[in-house]
Each structure stands twice: as structure tokens, then as C-alpha cells.
């Protein structure tokens, strides 16, 4: 005769907290990677528009 024993409440809670901790760690890593990506894109866009603004100033000064 087999007896089915369910895990105690402490073991279940510990497993859930470990799972939540690993999910939180994953979300924080993804968030950091996404913010780094946005930072790089922002830097590239700033450089691009700064160069275009300088070119526009040169053209405008040549026209005047």
C-alpha cells in the first residue's frame, strides 16, 4: 500500500520564494539590458541629429 505524502507548507513556500526570486532576477537582468540598449540608441540618435544640426547651421550661414 503506497502512501502519498504532500510537501509541508514550509517546503512549498520555500520553493515558491526561490522561483519568485529567480524570476525577479531574470526581470532585473532584462530591464538592465533593455535600458542599456535604449542608452546606446539614444546616444546614436543624439550624435546623428547633432551632426545634422551643425550641417544645417553651415548651410544657413552660407546662404546669408
PDB file of N, CA and C in Angstrom:
ATOM      1  N   UNK A   1       0.852  -1.182   0.000  1.00  0.00           N
ATOM      2  CA  UNK A   1       0.000   0.000   0.000  1.00  0.00           C
ATOM      3  C   UNK A   1       0.894   1.240   0.000  1.00  0.00           C
ATOM      4  N   UNK A   2       0.706   2.112  -1.005  1.00  0.00           N
ATOM      5  CA  UNK A   2       1.516   3.323  -1.124  1.00  0.00           C
ATOM      6  C   UNK A   2       0.823   4.469  -0.411  1.00  0.00           C
ATOM      7  N   UNK A   3       1.625   5.276   0.251  1.00  0.00           N
ATOM      8  CA  UNK A   3       1.093   6.439   0.961  1.00  0.00           C
ATOM      9  C   UNK A   3       1.604   7.681   0.256  1.00  0.00           C
ATOM     10  N   UNK A   4       0.681   8.534  -0.128  1.00  0.00           N
ATOM     11  CA  UNK A   4       1.041   9.793  -0.780  1.00  0.00           C
ATOM     12  C   UNK A   4       1.193  10.870   0.280  1.00  0.00           C
ATOM     13  N   UNK A   5       2.371  11.424   0.386  1.00  0.00           N
ATOM     14  CA  UNK A   5       2.599  12.496   1.351  1.00  0.00           C
ATOM     15  C   UNK A   5       2.771  13.801   0.592  1.00  0.00           C
ATOM     16  N   UNK A   6       2.010  14.791   0.947  1.00  0.00           N
ATOM     17  CA  UNK A   6       2.159  16.097   0.311  1.00  0.00           C
ATOM     18  C   UNK A   6       3.266  16.850   1.022  1.00  0.00           C
ATOM     19  N   UNK A   7       3.959  17.742   0.298  1.00  0.00           N
ATOM     20  CA  UNK A   7       5.035  18.500   0.948  1.00  0.00           C
ATOM     21  C   UNK A   7       4.460  19.413   2.014  1.00  0.00           C
ATOM     22  N   UNK A   8       5.266  19.645   3.019  1.00  0.00           N
ATOM     23  CA  UNK A   8       4.798  20.511   4.092  1.00  0.00           C
ATOM     24  C   UNK A   8       4.698  21.950   3.601  1.00  0.00           C
ATOM     25  N   UNK A   9       3.972  22.758   4.338  1.00  0.00           N
ATOM     26  CA  UNK A   9       3.749  24.146   3.926  1.00  0.00           C
ATOM     27  C   UNK A   9       5.057  24.914   3.829  1.00  0.00           C
ATOM     28  N   UNK A  10       6.002  24.621   4.693  1.00  0.00           N
ATOM     29  CA  UNK A  10       7.293  25.315   4.665  1.00  0.00           C
ATOM     30  C   UNK A  10       8.073  25.020   3.406  1.00  0.00           C
ATOM     31  N   UNK A  11       8.044  23.760   2.958  1.00  0.00           N
ATOM     32  CA  UNK A  11       8.768  23.389   1.742  1.00  0.00           C
ATOM     33  C   UNK A  11       8.131  24.030   0.517  1.00  0.00           C
ATOM     34  N   UNK A  12       6.806  24.071   0.470  1.00  0.00           N
ATOM     35  CA  UNK A  12       6.112  24.683  -0.655  1.00  0.00           C
ATOM     36  C   UNK A  12       6.408  26.176  -0.712  1.00  0.00           C
ATOM     37  N   UNK A  13       6.356  26.833   0.430  1.00  0.00           N
ATOM     38  CA  UNK A  13       6.643  28.268   0.483  1.00  0.00           C
ATOM     39  C   UNK A  13       8.061  28.579   0.069  1.00  0.00           C
ATOM     40  N   UNK A  14       8.990  27.716   0.478  1.00  0.00           N
ATOM     41  CA  UNK A  14      10.390  27.939   0.121  1.00  0.00           C
ATOM     42  C   UNK A  14      10.583  27.763  -1.384  1.00  0.00           C
ATOM     43  N   UNK A  15       9.943  26.776  -1.973  1.00  0.00           N
ATOM     44  CA  UNK A  15      10.062  26.563  -3.414  1.00  0.00           C
ATOM     45  C   UNK A  15       9.475  27.736  -4.181  1.00  0.00           C
ATOM     46  N   UNK A  16       8.331  28.242  -3.723  1.00  0.00           N
ATOM     47  CA  UNK A  16       7.714  29.401  -4.389  1.00  0.00           C
ATOM     48  C   UNK A  16       8.590  30.630  -4.263  1.00  0.00           C
ATOM     49  N   UNK A  17       9.175  30.852  -3.084  1.00  0.00           N
ATOM     50  CA  UNK A  17      10.010  32.035  -2.912  1.00  0.00           C
ATOM     51  C   UNK A  17      11.273  31.944  -3.764  1.00  0.00           C
ATOM     52  N   UNK A  18      11.831  30.731  -3.908  1.00  0.00           N
ATOM     53  CA  UNK A  18      13.007  30.567  -4.775  1.00  0.00           C
ATOM     54  C   UNK A  18      12.645  30.833  -6.228  1.00  0.00           C
ATOM     55  N   UNK A  19      11.464  30.357  -6.645  1.00  0.00           N
ATOM     56  CA  UNK A  19      11.024  30.590  -8.013  1.00  0.00           C
ATOM     57  C   UNK A  19      10.793  32.083  -8.256  1.00  0.00           C
ATOM     58  N   UNK A  20      10.150  32.755  -7.306  1.00  0.00           N
ATOM     59  CA  UNK A  20       9.912  34.191  -7.448  1.00  0.00           C
ATOM     60  C   UNK A  20      11.215  34.969  -7.468  1.00  0.00           C
ATOM     61  N   UNK A  21      12.179  34.542  -6.645  1.00  0.00           N
ATOM     62  CA  UNK A  21      13.477  35.218  -6.625  1.00  0.00           C
ATOM     63  C   UNK A  21      14.184  35.065  -7.964  1.00  0.00           C
ATOM     64  N   UNK A  22      14.115  33.875  -8.562  1.00  0.00           N
ATOM     65  CA  UNK A  22      14.775  33.676  -9.860  1.00  0.00           C
ATOM     66  C   UNK A  22      14.062  34.466 -10.954  1.00  0.00           C
ATOM     67  N   UNK A  23      12.738  34.549 -10.876  1.00  0.00           N
ATOM     68  CA  UNK A  23      12.002  35.346 -11.866  1.00  0.00           C
ATOM     69  C   UNK A  23      12.337  36.825 -11.724  1.00  0.00           C
ATOM     70  N   UNK A  24      12.443  37.310 -10.493  1.00  0.00           N
ATOM     71  CA  UNK A  24      12.790  38.714 -10.260  1.00  0.00           C
ATOM     72  C   UNK A  24      14.189  39.010 -10.781  1.00  0.00           C
ATOM     73  N   UNK A  25      15.119  38.087 -10.547  1.00  0.00           N
ATOM     74  CA  UNK A  25      16.481  38.271 -11.038  1.00  0.00           C
ATOM     75  C   UNK A  25      16.498  38.343 -12.565  1.00  0.00           C
ATOM     76  N   UNK A  26      15.729  37.480 -13.221  1.00  0.00           N
ATOM     77  CA  UNK A  26      15.649  37.489 -14.680  1.00  0.00           C
ATOM     78  C   UNK A  26      15.072  38.809 -15.185  1.00  0.00           C
ATOM     79  N   UNK A  27      14.007  39.287 -14.537  1.00  0.00           N
ATOM     80  CA  UNK A  27      13.377  40.552 -14.948  1.00  0.00           C
ATOM     81  C   UNK A  27      14.352  41.707 -14.776  1.00  0.00           C
ATOM     82  N   UNK A  28      15.103  41.718 -13.678  1.00  0.00           N
ATOM     83  CA  UNK A  28      16.070  42.797 -13.462  1.00  0.00           C
ATOM     84  C   UNK A  28      17.182  42.768 -14.508  1.00  0.00           C
ATOM     85  N   UNK A  29      17.630  41.563 -14.891  1.00  0.00           N
ATOM     86  CA  UNK A  29      18.666  41.467 -15.933  1.00  0.00           C
ATOM     87  C   UNK A  29      18.127  41.956 -17.272  1.00  0.00           C
ATOM     88  N   UNK A  30      16.903  41.565 -17.595  1.00  0.00           N
ATOM     89  CA  UNK A  30      16.299  42.008 -18.861  1.00  0.00           C
ATOM     90  C   UNK A  30      16.099  43.519 -18.861  1.00  0.00           C
ATOM     91  N   UNK A  31      15.691  44.064 -17.709  1.00  0.00           N
ATOM     92  CA  UNK A  31      15.486  45.500 -17.593  1.00  0.00           C
ATOM     93  C   UNK A  31      16.805  46.234 -17.809  1.00  0.00           C
ATOM     94  N   UNK A  32      17.875  45.738 -17.204  1.00  0.00           N
ATOM     95  CA  UNK A  32      19.187  46.368 -17.371  1.00  0.00           C
ATOM     96  C   UNK A  32      19.640  46.306 -18.830  1.00  0.00           C
ATOM     97  N   UNK A  33      19.426  45.175 -19.457  1.00  0.00           N
ATOM     98  CA  UNK A  33      19.817  45.038 -20.862  1.00  0.00           C
ATOM     99  C   UNK A  33      18.999  45.983 -21.739  1.00  0.00           C
ATOM    100  N   UNK A  34      17.703  46.098 -21.467  1.00  0.00           N
ATOM    101  CA  UNK A  34      16.845  46.977 -22.256  1.00  0.00           C
ATOM    102  C   UNK A  34      17.240  48.439 -22.063  1.00  0.00           C
ATOM    103  N   UNK A  35      17.528  48.838 -20.818  1.00  0.00           N
ATOM    104  CA  UNK A  35      17.933  50.217 -20.572  1.00  0.00           C
ATOM    105  C   UNK A  35      19.287  50.515 -21.221  1.00  0.00           C
ATOM    106  N   UNK A  36      20.178  49.546 -21.234  1.00  0.00           N
ATOM    107  CA  UNK A  36      21.455  49.722 -21.927  1.00  0.00           C
ATOM    108  C   UNK A  36      21.248  49.904 -23.419  1.00  0.00           C
ATOM    109  N   UNK A  37      20.348  49.103 -23.984  1.00  0.00           N
ATOM    110  CA  UNK A  37      20.011  49.216 -25.402  1.00  0.00           C
ATOM    111  C   UNK A  37      19.443  50.596 -25.709  1.00  0.00           C
ATOM    112  N   UNK A  38      18.519  51.074 -24.863  1.00  0.00           N
ATOM    113  CA  UNK A  38      17.946  52.407 -25.069  1.00  0.00           C
ATOM    114  C   UNK A  38      19.005  53.496 -24.955  1.00  0.00           C
ATOM    115  N   UNK A  39      19.948  53.315 -24.050  1.00  0.00           N
ATOM    116  CA  UNK A  39      21.030  54.288 -23.903  1.00  0.00           C
ATOM    117  C   UNK A  39      21.885  54.376 -25.148  1.00  0.00           C
ATOM    118  N   UNK A  40      22.207  53.226 -25.724  1.00  0.00           N
ATOM    119  CA  UNK A  40      23.016  53.215 -26.949  1.00  0.00           C
ATOM    120  C   UNK A  40      22.254  53.858 -28.100  1.00  0.00           C
ATOM    121  N   UNK A  41      20.982  53.512 -28.251  1.00  0.00           N
ATOM    122  CA  UNK A  41      20.161  54.110 -29.312  1.00  0.00           C
ATOM    123  C   UNK A  41      20.058  55.622 -29.114  1.00  0.00           C
ATOM    124  N   UNK A  42      19.860  56.039 -27.878  1.00  0.00           N
ATOM    125  CA  UNK A  42      19.772  57.474 -27.585  1.00  0.00           C
ATOM    126  C   UNK A  42      21.062  58.204 -27.925  1.00  0.00           C
ATOM    127  N   UNK A  43      22.198  57.595 -27.598  1.00  0.00           N
ATOM    128  CA  UNK A  43      23.486  58.217 -27.915  1.00  0.00           C
ATOM    129  C   UNK A  43      23.679  58.331 -29.422  1.00  0.00           C
ATOM    130  N   UNK A  44      23.327  57.281 -30.153  1.00  0.00           N
ATOM    131  CA  UNK A  44      23.464  57.321 -31.613  1.00  0.00           C
ATOM    132  C   UNK A  44      22.548  58.377 -32.232  1.00  0.00           C
ATOM    133  N   UNK A  45      21.302  58.454 -31.753  1.00  0.00           N
ATOM    134  CA  UNK A  45      20.380  59.461 -32.285  1.00  0.00           C
ATOM    135  C   UNK A  45      20.852  60.874 -31.965  1.00  0.00           C
ATOM    136  N   UNK A  46      21.376  61.071 -30.757  1.00  0.00           N
ATOM    137  CA  UNK A  46      21.893  62.396 -30.387  1.00  0.00           C
ATOM    138  C   UNK A  46      23.053  62.792 -31.290  1.00  0.00           C
ATOM    139  N   UNK A  47      23.978  61.861 -31.517  1.00  0.00           N
ATOM    140  CA  UNK A  47      25.113  62.150 -32.383  1.00  0.00           C
ATOM    141  C   UNK A  47      24.640  62.465 -33.801  1.00  0.00           C
ATOM    142  N   UNK A  48      23.687  61.682 -34.303  1.00  0.00           N
ATOM    143  CA  UNK A  48      23.195  61.870 -35.665  1.00  0.00           C
ATOM    144  C   UNK A  48      22.529  63.240 -35.819  1.00  0.00           C
ATOM    145  N   UNK A  49      21.622  63.591 -34.894  1.00  0.00           N
ATOM    146  CA  UNK A  49      20.918  64.863 -35.025  1.00  0.00           C
ATOM    147  C   UNK A  49      21.823  66.052 -34.735  1.00  0.00           C
ATOM    148  N   UNK A  50      22.831  65.866 -33.891  1.00  0.00           N
ATOM    149  CA  UNK A  50      23.796  66.945 -33.642  1.00  0.00           C
ATOM    150  C   UNK A  50      24.565  67.251 -34.917  1.00  0.00           C
ATOM    151  N   UNK A  51      24.989  66.200 -35.610  1.00  0.00           N
ATOM    152  CA  UNK A  51      25.708  66.409 -36.868  1.00  0.00           C
ATOM    153  C   UNK A  51      24.805  67.059 -37.908  1.00  0.00           C
ATOM    154  N   UNK A  52      23.554  66.651 -37.986  1.00  0.00           N
ATOM    155  CA  UNK A  52      22.630  67.258 -38.938  1.00  0.00           C
ATOM    156  C   UNK A  52      22.369  68.718 -38.601  1.00  0.00           C
ATOM    157  N   UNK A  53      22.290  69.052 -37.322  1.00  0.00           N
ATOM    158  CA  UNK A  53      22.073  70.434 -36.899  1.00  0.00           C
ATOM    159  C   UNK A  53      23.278  71.297 -37.276  1.00  0.00           C
ATOM    160  N   UNK A  54      24.479  70.760 -37.077  1.00  0.00           N
ATOM    161  CA  UNK A  54      25.678  71.518 -37.450  1.00  0.00           C
ATOM    162  C   UNK A  54      25.726  71.743 -38.960  1.00  0.00           C
ATOM    163  N   UNK A  55      25.353  70.734 -39.729  1.00  0.00           N
ATOM    164  CA  UNK A  55      25.318  70.880 -41.186  1.00  0.00           C
ATOM    165  C   UNK A  55      24.277  71.920 -41.602  1.00  0.00           C
ATOM    166  N   UNK A  56      23.135  71.926 -40.946  1.00  0.00           N
ATOM    167  CA  UNK A  56      22.085  72.885 -41.269  1.00  0.00           C
ATOM    168  C   UNK A  56      22.549  74.310 -40.935  1.00  0.00           C
ATOM    169  N   UNK A  57      23.291  74.466 -39.853  1.00  0.00           N
ATOM    170  CA  UNK A  57      23.810  75.796 -39.499  1.00  0.00           C
ATOM    171  C   UNK A  57      24.807  76.281 -40.541  1.00  0.00           C
ATOM    172  N   UNK A  58      25.662  75.369 -41.036  1.00  0.00           N
ATOM    173  CA  UNK A  58      26.630  75.749 -42.058  1.00  0.00           C
ATOM    174  C   UNK A  58      25.923  76.182 -43.341  1.00  0.00           C
ATOM    175  N   UNK A  59      24.912  75.434 -43.748  1.00  0.00           N
ATOM    176  CA  UNK A  59      24.188  75.765 -44.967  1.00  0.00           C
ATOM    177  C   UNK A  59      23.473  77.106 -44.793  1.00  0.00           C
ATOM    178  N   UNK A  60      22.867  77.327 -43.617  1.00  0.00           N
ATOM    179  CA  UNK A  60      22.148  78.580 -43.388  1.00  0.00           C
ATOM    180  C   UNK A  60      23.120  79.756 -43.366  1.00  0.00           C
ATOM    181  N   UNK A  61      24.299  79.588 -42.776  1.00  0.00           N
ATOM    182  CA  UNK A  61      25.261  80.690 -42.744  1.00  0.00           C
ATOM    183  C   UNK A  61      25.824  80.982 -44.132  1.00  0.00           C
ATOM    184  N   UNK A  62      25.920  79.967 -44.991  1.00  0.00           N
ATOM    185  CA  UNK A  62      26.397  80.181 -46.344  1.00  0.00           C
ATOM    186  C   UNK A  62      25.347  80.905 -47.190  1.00  0.00           C
ATOM    187  N   UNK A  63      24.074  80.677 -46.869  1.00  0.00           N
ATOM    188  CA  UNK A  63      23.000  81.312 -47.634  1.00  0.00           C
ATOM    189  C   UNK A  63      22.881  82.783 -47.282  1.00  0.00           C
ATOM    190  N   UNK A  64      23.275  83.161 -46.064  1.00  0.00           N
ATOM    191  CA  UNK A  64      23.111  84.556 -45.607  1.00  0.00           C
ATOM    192  C   UNK A  64      24.245  85.413 -46.055  1.00  0.00           C
TER     193      UNK A  64
END
